[in-house]
């Protein structure tokens, strides 16, 4: 699982071919077993944290 937080700008997160548009201050959880990508349609900064089970 990944936690994405947009620090600056705007980004497009695609999970299983479904787009979600995020802007500064938005966040999303991406399940580990889902196909995903982050599209840089314009400059942005993000914080990405991977969450693993032990």
Protein backbone atom coordinates (compact mmCIF):
# COMPACT_ATOMS: atom_id res chain seq x y z
CA UNK A 1 0.00 0.00 0.00
CA UNK A 2 1.21 3.52 -0.75
CA UNK A 3 0.16 6.83 0.76
CA UNK A 4 0.51 9.79 -1.62
CA UNK A 5 0.33 13.40 -0.35
CA UNK A 6 0.57 16.35 -2.76
CA UNK A 7 2.85 19.02 -1.26
CA UNK A 8 2.78 21.46 -4.19
CA UNK A 9 1.08 21.68 -7.61
CA UNK A 10 -1.37 19.19 -9.14
CA UNK A 11 -1.07 15.52 -10.15
CA UNK A 12 -3.15 12.80 -11.78
CA UNK A 13 -3.18 9.42 -10.03
CA UNK A 14 -4.42 6.52 -12.14
CA UNK A 15 -5.58 3.36 -10.30
CA UNK A 16 -6.93 0.51 -12.46
CA UNK A 17 -7.41 2.95 -15.37
CA UNK A 18 -9.50 5.33 -13.19
CA UNK A 19 -8.07 8.85 -12.90
CA UNK A 20 -8.14 10.94 -9.75
CA UNK A 21 -6.90 14.53 -9.88
CA UNK A 22 -5.17 15.77 -6.74
CA UNK A 23 -3.96 19.22 -5.77
CA UNK A 24 -1.93 20.70 -2.92
CA UNK A 25 -3.09 19.24 0.41
CA UNK A 26 -4.87 16.21 -1.09
CA UNK A 27 -3.90 12.62 -0.33
CA UNK A 28 -4.82 9.13 -1.49
CA UNK A 29 -4.12 5.51 -0.48
CA UNK A 30 -3.15 3.15 -3.29
CA UNK A 31 -3.67 -0.57 -2.52
CA UNK A 32 -0.56 -2.67 -3.13
CA UNK A 33 -2.29 -5.14 -5.43
CA UNK A 34 -3.71 -2.48 -7.81
CA UNK A 35 -2.14 -1.29 -11.06
CA UNK A 36 -1.32 2.40 -10.64
CA UNK A 37 0.66 5.32 -12.05
CA UNK A 38 1.21 8.99 -11.26
CA UNK A 39 1.01 11.34 -14.24
CA UNK A 40 3.05 14.55 -14.17
CA UNK A 41 0.88 16.76 -16.38
CA UNK A 42 2.55 19.78 -14.76
CA UNK A 43 5.30 20.24 -12.14
CA UNK A 44 4.37 19.00 -8.66
CA UNK A 45 5.92 17.76 -5.43
CA UNK A 46 4.62 14.79 -3.48
CA UNK A 47 5.37 12.71 -0.44
CA UNK A 48 5.10 8.97 -1.08
CA UNK A 49 5.13 6.53 1.85
CA UNK A 50 5.08 2.76 1.38
CA UNK A 51 3.17 0.86 4.06
CA UNK A 52 4.07 -2.81 4.50
CA UNK A 53 2.76 -5.58 6.71
CA UNK A 54 5.43 -7.37 8.70
